Amino acid sequence: MAETAPDVITLSGVVVVVLVNYLREHQAWGWMRMVQGSSSLKGVPGVVFAKVMGSGHGGGFSIRPSASHQGLIVMFDRAEQADAFLAGPIVQAYRQRAAQFWSGVLEVLSSRGQWDGEAWGSTPATHLKPDHTVHDDAGAARPLAVITRASIRPAKAMAFWRNAPATQTAMQSAAGCTLAMGLGEAPLVRQCTFSLWKDTSSMLDYAHQGAHQAAIEAAYRHNYFSESMFVRMRLLEHHGHWTAPNAMNTADATETAADTAESKAHD
């Protein structure tokens, strides 16, 4: 991980990702959550970072917005606070209004760059639950997750988006990618992708070749971004189902029987 400038605040903790595809009758409710943004999470114990984001058409990475897809990325100081949030009324309100719902608890392994002027540090082992602790992501059975996000310079937005369809197609067909969703804080210029991979080698194979590699090279060569961040994480726990057209169906296949029972209990 690249060194962080001494004047940059570094956040560390346990990350929760929530993905929602709303039932049609609840899309207006979801829109209001977007309007409220992270202010709706004020007062939730342990929150150190929070984003409520929209998505592209079908949950993809597109300039055409989705009326039904949404995502939350929230960092908590400790795993117990993340668990309490997922079991609490805020997340249950999302779940009850969703045609599809997926949530994951993640440990930050490494990060480079910044989000809103803040860096992310690795999750301290002491902030995890005992059954979460493993020592090497390359040898661990748990899947790898990646967040990439960028603030795109407005003058560069159209050039950036010309590369987006090819990179999304490449991710959809990438070996080892089990889930991918495009997210955004603001149309066109503040974009994010969350993806889940079977292992590190699958993620690296995608990142370092083809359309994605060409897009990244163009972004840095032409200075598309005013700020960007890449975060590598380990998936510790997950619940729910995610079978959007642009997401790999193996996100369902890896769910445990306990996950399925817990999900049905909230339907």
C-alpha atoms as a PDB file:
ATOM      1  CA  MET A   1       0.000   0.000   0.000  1.00  0.00           C
ATOM      2  CA  ALA A   2       1.275   3.442  -0.927  1.00  0.00           C
ATOM      3  CA  GLU A   3       2.262   5.754   1.887  1.00  0.00           C
ATOM      4  CA  THR A   4      -0.341   8.295   2.963  1.00  0.00           C
ATOM      5  CA  ALA A   5       0.585  11.964   3.315  1.00  0.00           C
ATOM      6  CA  PRO A   6       1.038  12.865   7.001  1.00  0.00           C
ATOM      7  CA  ASP A   7      -1.760  15.469   6.938  1.00  0.00           C
ATOM      8  CA  VAL A   8      -4.361  13.026   5.548  1.00  0.00           C
ATOM      9  CA  ILE A   9      -6.777  11.435   8.023  1.00  0.00           C
ATOM     10  CA  THR A  10      -6.740   7.629   7.841  1.00  0.00           C
ATOM     11  CA  LEU A  11      -9.914   5.765   8.783  1.00  0.00           C
ATOM     12  CA  SER A  12      -9.913   2.132   9.853  1.00  0.00           C
ATOM     13  CA  GLY A  13     -12.632  -0.277  10.821  1.00  0.00           C
ATOM     14  CA  VAL A  14     -15.046  -2.934   9.582  1.00  0.00           C
ATOM     15  CA  VAL A  15     -16.930  -2.199   6.354  1.00  0.00           C
ATOM     16  CA  VAL A  16     -20.577  -3.009   5.632  1.00  0.00           C
ATOM     17  CA  VAL A  17     -21.873  -3.033   2.048  1.00  0.00           C
ATOM     18  CA  VAL A  18     -25.632  -3.189   1.422  1.00  0.00           C
ATOM     19  CA  LEU A  19     -27.050  -3.614  -2.105  1.00  0.00           C
ATOM     20  CA  VAL A  20     -30.766  -3.122  -2.769  1.00  0.00           C
ATOM     21  CA  ASN A  21     -33.044  -3.551  -5.775  1.00  0.00           C
ATOM     22  CA  TYR A  22     -36.353  -2.027  -4.668  1.00  0.00           C
ATOM     23  CA  LEU A  23     -39.800  -3.324  -5.406  1.00  0.00           C
ATOM     24  CA  ARG A  24     -41.509  -0.907  -7.798  1.00  0.00           C
ATOM     25  CA  GLU A  25     -43.934   0.348  -5.149  1.00  0.00           C
ATOM     26  CA  HIS A  26     -41.027   1.304  -2.877  1.00  0.00           C
ATOM     27  CA  GLN A  27     -38.851   3.168  -5.381  1.00  0.00           C
ATOM     28  CA  ALA A  28     -40.051   6.548  -4.087  1.00  0.00           C
ATOM     29  CA  TRP A  29     -39.027   5.507  -0.560  1.00  0.00           C
ATOM     30  CA  GLY A  30     -35.604   4.606  -1.916  1.00  0.00           C
ATOM     31  CA  TRP A  31     -35.322   7.966  -3.655  1.00  0.00           C
ATOM     32  CA  MET A  32     -35.916   9.715  -0.346  1.00  0.00           C
ATOM     33  CA  ARG A  33     -33.057   7.713   1.179  1.00  0.00           C
ATOM     34  CA  MET A  34     -30.820   9.096  -1.568  1.00  0.00           C
ATOM     35  CA  VAL A  35     -31.982  12.640  -0.845  1.00  0.00           C
ATOM     36  CA  GLN A  36     -31.225  12.182   2.868  1.00  0.00           C
ATOM     37  CA  GLY A  37     -27.847  10.618   2.098  1.00  0.00           C
ATOM     38  CA  SER A  38     -25.579   9.733   4.997  1.00  0.00           C
ATOM     39  CA  SER A  39     -27.480  12.094   7.317  1.00  0.00           C
ATOM     40  CA  SER A  40     -29.973   9.249   7.805  1.00  0.00           C
ATOM     41  CA  LEU A  41     -27.179   7.301   9.543  1.00  0.00           C
ATOM     42  CA  LYS A  42     -26.265   9.998  12.039  1.00  0.00           C
ATOM     43  CA  GLY A  43     -26.463   8.637  15.539  1.00  0.00           C
ATOM     44  CA  VAL A  44     -25.826   5.020  14.507  1.00  0.00           C
ATOM     45  CA  PRO A  45     -23.240   3.738  17.012  1.00  0.00           C
ATOM     46  CA  GLY A  46     -19.738   3.212  15.686  1.00  0.00           C
ATOM     47  CA  VAL A  47     -20.094   4.818  12.235  1.00  0.00           C
ATOM     48  CA  VAL A  48     -16.856   6.429  11.031  1.00  0.00           C
ATOM     49  CA  PHE A  49     -17.727   6.714   7.311  1.00  0.00           C
ATOM     50  CA  ALA A  50     -20.988   6.393   5.354  1.00  0.00           C
ATOM     51  CA  LYS A  51     -22.239   6.763   1.787  1.00  0.00           C
ATOM     52  CA  VAL A  52     -25.725   6.194   0.351  1.00  0.00           C
ATOM     53  CA  MET A  53     -25.401   5.802  -3.419  1.00  0.00           C
ATOM     54  CA  GLY A  54     -27.465   5.280  -6.516  1.00  0.00           C
ATOM     55  CA  SER A  55     -26.615   3.007  -9.425  1.00  0.00           C
ATOM     56  CA  GLY A  56     -26.662   2.770 -13.190  1.00  0.00           C
ATOM     57  CA  HIS A  57     -29.323   1.031 -15.252  1.00  0.00           C
ATOM     58  CA  GLY A  58     -29.811  -2.560 -14.103  1.00  0.00           C
ATOM     59  CA  GLY A  59     -27.316  -2.046 -11.305  1.00  0.00           C
ATOM     60  CA  GLY A  60     -24.517  -1.512 -13.793  1.00  0.00           C
ATOM     61  CA  PHE A  61     -21.923   1.133 -14.511  1.00  0.00           C
ATOM     62  CA  SER A  62     -23.896   3.395 -16.846  1.00  0.00           C
ATOM     63  CA  ILE A  63     -24.771   7.038 -17.471  1.00  0.00           C
ATOM     64  CA  ARG A  64     -28.412   5.910 -17.506  1.00  0.00           C
ATOM     65  CA  PRO A  65     -29.574   5.874 -13.860  1.00  0.00           C
ATOM     66  CA  SER A  66     -31.502   3.070 -12.206  1.00  0.00           C
ATOM     67  CA  ALA A  67     -34.768   3.894 -10.455  1.00  0.00           C
ATOM     68  CA  SER A  68     -34.557   0.820  -8.248  1.00  0.00           C
ATOM     69  CA  HIS A  69     -30.911   0.010  -7.437  1.00  0.00           C
ATOM     70  CA  GLN A  70     -29.060   1.512  -4.501  1.00  0.00           C
ATOM     71  CA  GLY A  71     -26.056   0.789  -2.316  1.00  0.00           C
ATOM     72  CA  LEU A  72     -24.720   1.681   1.123  1.00  0.00           C
ATOM     73  CA  ILE A  73     -21.062   1.623   2.124  1.00  0.00           C
ATOM     74  CA  VAL A  74     -20.596   2.141   5.860  1.00  0.00           C
ATOM     75  CA  MET A  75     -17.459   1.747   7.978  1.00  0.00           C
ATOM     76  CA  PHE A  76     -17.797   0.896  11.658  1.00  0.00           C
ATOM     77  CA  ASP A  77     -15.189   1.003  14.365  1.00  0.00           C
ATOM     78  CA  ARG A  78     -15.812  -2.621  15.405  1.00  0.00           C
ATOM     79  CA  ALA A  79     -17.451  -5.777  14.021  1.00  0.00           C
ATOM     80  CA  GLU A  80     -20.057  -5.892  16.793  1.00  0.00           C
ATOM     81  CA  GLN A  81     -21.332  -2.455  15.750  1.00  0.00           C
ATOM     82  CA  ALA A  82     -21.556  -3.605  12.133  1.00  0.00           C
ATOM     83  CA  ASP A  83     -23.601  -6.627  13.231  1.00  0.00           C
ATOM     84  CA  ALA A  84     -25.944  -4.455  15.283  1.00  0.00           C
ATOM     85  CA  PHE A  85     -26.494  -2.142  12.303  1.00  0.00           C
ATOM     86  CA  LEU A  86     -27.341  -5.042   9.989  1.00  0.00           C
ATOM     87  CA  ALA A  87     -29.814  -6.443  12.519  1.00  0.00           C
ATOM     88  CA  GLY A  88     -31.300  -3.032  13.305  1.00  0.00           C
ATOM     89  CA  PRO A  89     -34.313  -1.116  11.972  1.00  0.00           C
ATOM     90  CA  ILE A  90     -32.512   0.918   9.295  1.00  0.00           C
ATOM     91  CA  VAL A  91     -31.266  -2.083   7.336  1.00  0.00           C
ATOM     92  CA  GLN A  92     -34.457  -4.048   7.957  1.00  0.00           C
ATOM     93  CA  ALA A  93     -36.429  -1.188   6.381  1.00  0.00           C
ATOM     94  CA  TYR A  94     -34.322  -1.590   3.239  1.00  0.00           C
ATOM     95  CA  ARG A  95     -34.705  -5.368   3.270  1.00  0.00           C
ATOM     96  CA  GLN A  96     -38.484  -5.255   3.630  1.00  0.00           C
ATOM     97  CA  ARG A  97     -38.816  -3.003   0.562  1.00  0.00           C
ATOM     98  CA  ALA A  98     -36.437  -4.938  -1.659  1.00  0.00           C
ATOM     99  CA  ALA A  99     -37.026  -7.328  -4.510  1.00  0.00           C
ATOM    100  CA  GLN A 100     -33.360  -8.269  -4.062  1.00  0.00           C
ATOM    101  CA  PHE A 101     -31.125  -7.590  -1.082  1.00  0.00           C
ATOM    102  CA  TRP A 102     -27.496  -8.421  -0.303  1.00  0.00           C
ATOM    103  CA  SER A 103     -25.296  -7.379   2.603  1.00  0.00           C
ATOM    104  CA  GLY A 104     -21.683  -8.109   3.405  1.00  0.00           C
ATOM    105  CA  VAL A 105     -19.291  -7.504   6.291  1.00  0.00           C
ATOM    106  CA  LEU A 106     -15.732  -6.891   5.126  1.00  0.00           C
ATOM    107  CA  GLU A 107     -12.214  -6.492   6.459  1.00  0.00           C
ATOM    108  CA  VAL A 108      -9.976  -3.930   4.742  1.00  0.00           C
ATOM    109  CA  LEU A 109      -6.711  -5.560   3.656  1.00  0.00           C
ATOM    110  CA  SER A 110      -5.104  -2.668   1.788  1.00  0.00           C
ATOM    111  CA  SER A 111      -5.992   0.651   0.220  1.00  0.00           C
ATOM    112  CA  ARG A 112      -4.484   3.414  -1.850  1.00  0.00           C
ATOM    113  CA  GLY A 113      -5.849   6.854  -2.612  1.00  0.00           C
ATOM    114  CA  GLN A 114      -8.524   8.844  -0.803  1.00  0.00           C
ATOM    115  CA  TRP A 115     -12.286   9.310  -0.553  1.00  0.00           C
ATOM    116  CA  ASP A 116     -13.396  12.823   0.420  1.00  0.00           C
ATOM    117  CA  GLY A 117      -9.828  13.583   1.435  1.00  0.00           C
ATOM    118  CA  GLU A 118      -9.600  10.588   3.783  1.00  0.00           C
ATOM    119  CA  ALA A 119      -7.572   7.397   3.388  1.00  0.00           C
ATOM    120  CA  TRP A 120      -8.563   3.919   4.561  1.00  0.00           C
ATOM    121  CA  GLY A 121      -6.228   1.823   6.674  1.00  0.00           C
ATOM    122  CA  SER A 122      -6.242  -1.931   7.196  1.00  0.00           C
ATOM    123  CA  THR A 123      -8.816  -3.235   9.656  1.00  0.00           C
ATOM    124  CA  PRO A 124      -7.172  -3.864  13.057  1.00  0.00           C
ATOM    125  CA  ALA A 125      -7.421  -7.539  14.012  1.00  0.00           C
ATOM    126  CA  THR A 126      -8.603  -6.495  17.471  1.00  0.00           C
ATOM    127  CA  HIS A 127     -11.709  -4.910  15.895  1.00  0.00           C
ATOM    128  CA  LEU A 128     -12.831  -8.201  14.338  1.00  0.00           C
ATOM    129  CA  LYS A 129     -14.684 -11.079  15.917  1.00  0.00           C
ATOM    130  CA  PRO A 130     -12.522 -14.104  16.845  1.00  0.00           C
ATOM    131  CA  ASP A 131     -13.934 -16.266  14.034  1.00  0.00           C
ATOM    132  CA  HIS A 132     -13.024 -13.592  11.470  1.00  0.00           C
ATOM    133  CA  THR A 133      -9.282 -13.736  12.027  1.00  0.00           C
ATOM    134  CA  VAL A 134      -7.204 -15.275   9.213  1.00  0.00           C
ATOM    135  CA  HIS A 135      -3.668 -14.403   8.232  1.00  0.00           C
ATOM    136  CA  ASP A 136      -3.229 -14.478   4.445  1.00  0.00           C
ATOM    137  CA  ASP A 137      -5.811 -13.436   1.854  1.00  0.00           C
ATOM    138  CA  ALA A 138      -4.072 -15.497  -0.853  1.00  0.00           C
ATOM    139  CA  GLY A 139      -4.545 -18.675   1.150  1.00  0.00           C
ATOM    140  CA  ALA A 140      -7.865 -17.883   2.796  1.00  0.00           C
ATOM    141  CA  ALA A 141     -11.095 -19.490   1.645  1.00  0.00           C
ATOM    142  CA  ARG A 142     -13.072 -16.266   2.025  1.00  0.00           C
ATOM    143  CA  PRO A 143     -13.752 -14.307  -1.185  1.00  0.00           C
ATOM    144  CA  LEU A 144     -11.978 -11.076  -2.041  1.00  0.00           C
ATOM    145  CA  ALA A 145     -13.920  -7.823  -2.477  1.00  0.00           C
ATOM    146  CA  VAL A 146     -12.849  -4.610  -4.179  1.00  0.00           C
ATOM    147  CA  ILE A 147     -14.113  -1.040  -4.044  1.00  0.00           C
ATOM    148  CA  THR A 148     -12.884   1.358  -6.709  1.00  0.00           C
ATOM    149  CA  ARG A 149     -14.089   4.945  -6.682  1.00  0.00           C
ATOM    150  CA  ALA A 150     -13.189   8.204  -8.375  1.00  0.00           C
ATOM    151  CA  SER A 151     -14.117  11.849  -8.596  1.00  0.00           C
ATOM    152  CA  ILE A 152     -14.012  12.574 -12.325  1.00  0.00           C
ATOM    153  CA  ARG A 153     -13.039  16.022 -13.530  1.00  0.00           C
ATOM    154  CA  PRO A 154     -16.179  17.466 -15.217  1.00  0.00           C
ATOM    155  CA  ALA A 155     -14.232  18.428 -18.336  1.00  0.00           C
ATOM    156  CA  LYS A 156     -13.019  14.815 -18.632  1.00  0.00           C
ATOM    157  CA  ALA A 157     -16.345  13.072 -17.932  1.00  0.00           C
ATOM    158  CA  MET A 158     -17.333  12.277 -21.525  1.00  0.00           C
ATOM    159  CA  ALA A 159     -13.887  10.907 -22.321  1.00  0.00           C
ATOM    160  CA  PHE A 160     -14.027   8.733 -19.197  1.00  0.00           C
ATOM    161  CA  TRP A 161     -17.490   7.367 -20.002  1.00  0.00           C
ATOM    162  CA  ARG A 162     -16.479   6.338 -23.512  1.00  0.00           C
ATOM    163  CA  ASN A 163     -14.449   3.540 -21.881  1.00  0.00           C
ATOM    164  CA  ALA A 164     -17.171   2.438 -19.450  1.00  0.00           C
ATOM    165  CA  PRO A 165     -19.184  -0.008 -21.639  1.00  0.00           C
ATOM    166  CA  ALA A 166     -16.091  -2.040 -22.526  1.00  0.00           C
ATOM    167  CA  THR A 167     -14.901  -2.277 -18.924  1.00  0.00           C
ATOM    168  CA  GLN A 168     -18.347  -3.337 -17.683  1.00  0.00           C
ATOM    169  CA  THR A 169     -18.603  -6.038 -20.356  1.00  0.00           C
ATOM    170  CA  ALA A 170     -15.143  -7.273 -19.404  1.00  0.00           C
ATOM    171  CA  MET A 171     -16.085  -7.466 -15.717  1.00  0.00           C
ATOM    172  CA  GLN A 172     -19.322  -9.325 -16.463  1.00  0.00           C
ATOM    173  CA  SER A 173     -17.399 -12.018 -18.303  1.00  0.00           C
ATOM    174  CA  ALA A 174     -14.319 -12.048 -16.055  1.00  0.00           C
ATOM    175  CA  ALA A 175     -13.475 -15.464 -14.649  1.00  0.00           C
ATOM    176  CA  GLY A 176     -13.861 -15.470 -10.874  1.00  0.00           C
ATOM    177  CA  CYS A 177     -16.064 -12.369 -10.582  1.00  0.00           C
ATOM    178  CA  THR A 178     -19.125 -13.447  -8.584  1.00  0.00           C
ATOM    179  CA  LEU A 179     -20.825 -10.079  -8.112  1.00  0.00           C
ATOM    180  CA  ALA A 180     -20.366  -6.575  -9.511  1.00  0.00           C
ATOM    181  CA  MET A 181     -22.401  -3.406  -9.110  1.00  0.00           C
ATOM    182  CA  GLY A 182     -21.857   0.151 -10.268  1.00  0.00           C
ATOM    183  CA  LEU A 183     -22.593   2.861  -7.705  1.00  0.00           C
ATOM    184  CA  GLY A 184     -22.484   6.636  -7.723  1.00  0.00           C
ATOM    185  CA  GLU A 185     -22.654   9.605  -5.361  1.00  0.00           C
ATOM    186  CA  ALA A 186     -23.411  12.055  -8.173  1.00  0.00           C
ATOM    187  CA  PRO A 187     -24.294  11.515 -11.842  1.00  0.00           C
ATOM    188  CA  LEU A 188     -21.338  11.186 -14.205  1.00  0.00           C
ATOM    189  CA  VAL A 189     -18.609  12.574 -11.939  1.00  0.00           C
ATOM    190  CA  ARG A 190     -18.522  10.667  -8.604  1.00  0.00           C
ATOM    191  CA  GLN A 191     -18.482   6.976  -9.383  1.00  0.00           C
ATOM    192  CA  CYS A 192     -17.801   3.727  -7.542  1.00  0.00           C
ATOM    193  CA  THR A 193     -17.755   0.002  -8.276  1.00  0.00           C
ATOM    194  CA  PHE A 194     -18.134  -2.841  -5.784  1.00  0.00           C
ATOM    195  CA  SER A 195     -17.044  -6.282  -6.948  1.00  0.00           C
ATOM    196  CA  LEU A 196     -16.631  -9.702  -5.376  1.00  0.00           C
ATOM    197  CA  TRP A 197     -14.040 -12.229  -6.539  1.00  0.00           C
ATOM    198  CA  LYS A 198     -13.353 -15.882  -5.808  1.00  0.00           C
ATOM    199  CA  ASP A 199      -9.677 -15.152  -5.184  1.00  0.00           C
ATOM    200  CA  THR A 200      -6.908 -12.596  -5.605  1.00  0.00           C
ATOM    201  CA  SER A 201      -5.547 -14.063  -8.831  1.00  0.00           C
ATOM    202  CA  SER A 202      -8.938 -13.710 -10.564  1.00  0.00           C
ATOM    203  CA  MET A 203      -9.134 -10.058  -9.594  1.00  0.00           C
ATOM    204  CA  LEU A 204      -5.568  -9.353 -10.731  1.00  0.00           C
ATOM    205  CA  ASP A 205      -6.118 -11.120 -14.057  1.00  0.00           C
ATOM    206  CA  TYR A 206      -9.041  -8.789 -14.764  1.00  0.00           C
ATOM    207  CA  ALA A 207      -7.339  -5.645 -13.481  1.00  0.00           C
ATOM    208  CA  HIS A 208      -4.108  -6.030 -15.438  1.00  0.00           C
ATOM    209  CA  GLN A 209      -5.348  -6.821 -18.917  1.00  0.00           C
ATOM    210  CA  GLY A 210      -7.909  -5.969 -21.577  1.00  0.00           C
ATOM    211  CA  ALA A 211     -10.439  -3.146 -21.432  1.00  0.00           C
ATOM    212  CA  HIS A 212      -9.934  -2.400 -17.742  1.00  0.00           C
ATOM    213  CA  GLN A 213      -6.184  -2.003 -18.066  1.00  0.00           C
ATOM    214  CA  ALA A 214      -6.641   0.249 -21.110  1.00  0.00           C
ATOM    215  CA  ALA A 215      -9.200   2.391 -19.253  1.00  0.00           C
ATOM    216  CA  ILE A 216      -6.944   2.827 -16.230  1.00  0.00           C
ATOM    217  CA  GLU A 217      -3.976   3.761 -18.391  1.00  0.00           C
ATOM    218  CA  ALA A 218      -6.111   6.354 -20.205  1.00  0.00           C
ATOM    219  CA  ALA A 219      -7.432   7.751 -16.919  1.00  0.00           C
ATOM    220  CA  TYR A 220      -3.969   8.414 -15.536  1.00  0.00           C
ATOM    221  CA  ARG A 221      -2.454   9.495 -18.830  1.00  0.00           C
ATOM    222  CA  HIS A 222      -5.169  12.122 -19.363  1.00  0.00           C
ATOM    223  CA  ASN A 223      -5.648  13.041 -15.681  1.00  0.00           C
ATOM    224  CA  TYR A 224      -9.356  12.149 -15.566  1.00  0.00           C
ATOM    225  CA  PHE A 225      -9.555  12.004 -11.755  1.00  0.00           C
ATOM    226  CA  SER A 226      -9.293  14.722  -9.133  1.00  0.00           C
ATOM    227  CA  GLU A 227      -9.399  11.969  -6.472  1.00  0.00           C
ATOM    228  CA  SER A 228      -9.537   8.183  -6.540  1.00  0.00           C
ATOM    229  CA  MET A 229      -9.286   5.170  -4.251  1.00  0.00           C
ATOM    230  CA  PHE A 230      -8.797   1.424  -4.618  1.00  0.00           C
ATOM    231  CA  VAL A 231      -9.617  -0.807  -1.643  1.00  0.00           C
ATOM    232  CA  ARG A 232      -9.002  -4.537  -1.361  1.00  0.00           C
ATOM    233  CA  MET A 233     -11.057  -6.358   1.277  1.00  0.00           C
ATOM    234  CA  ARG A 234     -11.902  -9.830   2.535  1.00  0.00           C
ATOM    235  CA  LEU A 235     -15.564 -10.868   2.734  1.00  0.00           C
ATOM    236  CA  LEU A 236     -16.224 -12.094   6.275  1.00  0.00           C
ATOM    237  CA  GLU A 237     -19.998 -12.629   6.246  1.00  0.00           C
ATOM    238  CA  HIS A 238     -22.844 -12.113   3.792  1.00  0.00           C
ATOM    239  CA  HIS A 239     -26.618 -12.469   3.680  1.00  0.00           C
ATOM    240  CA  GLY A 240     -29.305 -12.267   1.022  1.00  0.00           C
ATOM    241  CA  HIS A 241     -29.434 -12.802  -2.734  1.00  0.00           C
ATOM    242  CA  TRP A 242     -28.160 -10.793  -5.672  1.00  0.00           C
ATOM    243  CA  THR A 243     -29.041 -11.928  -9.202  1.00  0.00           C
ATOM    244  CA  ALA A 244     -29.250  -8.655 -11.140  1.00  0.00           C
ATOM    245  CA  PRO A 245     -28.579  -9.094 -14.885  1.00  0.00           C
ATOM    246  CA  ASN A 246     -25.084  -7.645 -14.621  1.00  0.00           C
ATOM    247  CA  ALA A 247     -24.177  -9.566 -11.454  1.00  0.00           C
ATOM    248  CA  MET A 248     -22.824 -13.085 -11.531  1.00  0.00           C
ATOM    249  CA  ASN A 249     -25.345 -15.643 -10.264  1.00  0.00           C
ATOM    250  CA  THR A 250     -22.688 -17.391  -8.184  1.00  0.00           C
ATOM    251  CA  ALA A 251     -23.374 -14.760  -5.522  1.00  0.00           C
ATOM    252  CA  ASP A 252     -26.485 -16.843  -4.859  1.00  0.00           C
ATOM    253  CA  ALA A 253     -24.680 -20.153  -5.103  1.00  0.00           C
ATOM    254  CA  THR A 254     -22.197 -19.306  -2.366  1.00  0.00           C
ATOM    255  CA  GLU A 255     -24.888 -18.446   0.158  1.00  0.00           C
ATOM    256  CA  THR A 256     -25.160 -20.815   3.095  1.00  0.00           C
ATOM    257  CA  ALA A 257     -28.336 -22.539   4.209  1.00  0.00           C
ATOM    258  CA  ALA A 258     -28.376 -20.341   7.306  1.00  0.00           C
ATOM    259  CA  ASP A 259     -28.222 -17.244   5.088  1.00  0.00           C
ATOM    260  CA  THR A 260     -31.170 -18.476   3.042  1.00  0.00           C
ATOM    261  CA  ALA A 261     -33.290 -19.179   6.109  1.00  0.00           C
ATOM    262  CA  GLU A 262     -32.434 -15.801   7.606  1.00  0.00           C
ATOM    263  CA  SER A 263     -33.304 -14.039   4.340  1.00  0.00           C
ATOM    264  CA  LYS A 264     -36.681 -15.777   4.040  1.00  0.00           C
ATOM    265  CA  ALA A 265     -37.510 -14.891   7.629  1.00  0.00           C
ATOM    266  CA  HIS A 266     -37.472 -11.216   6.617  1.00  0.00           C
ATOM    267  CA  ASP A 267     -39.465 -11.563   3.372  1.00  0.00           C
END
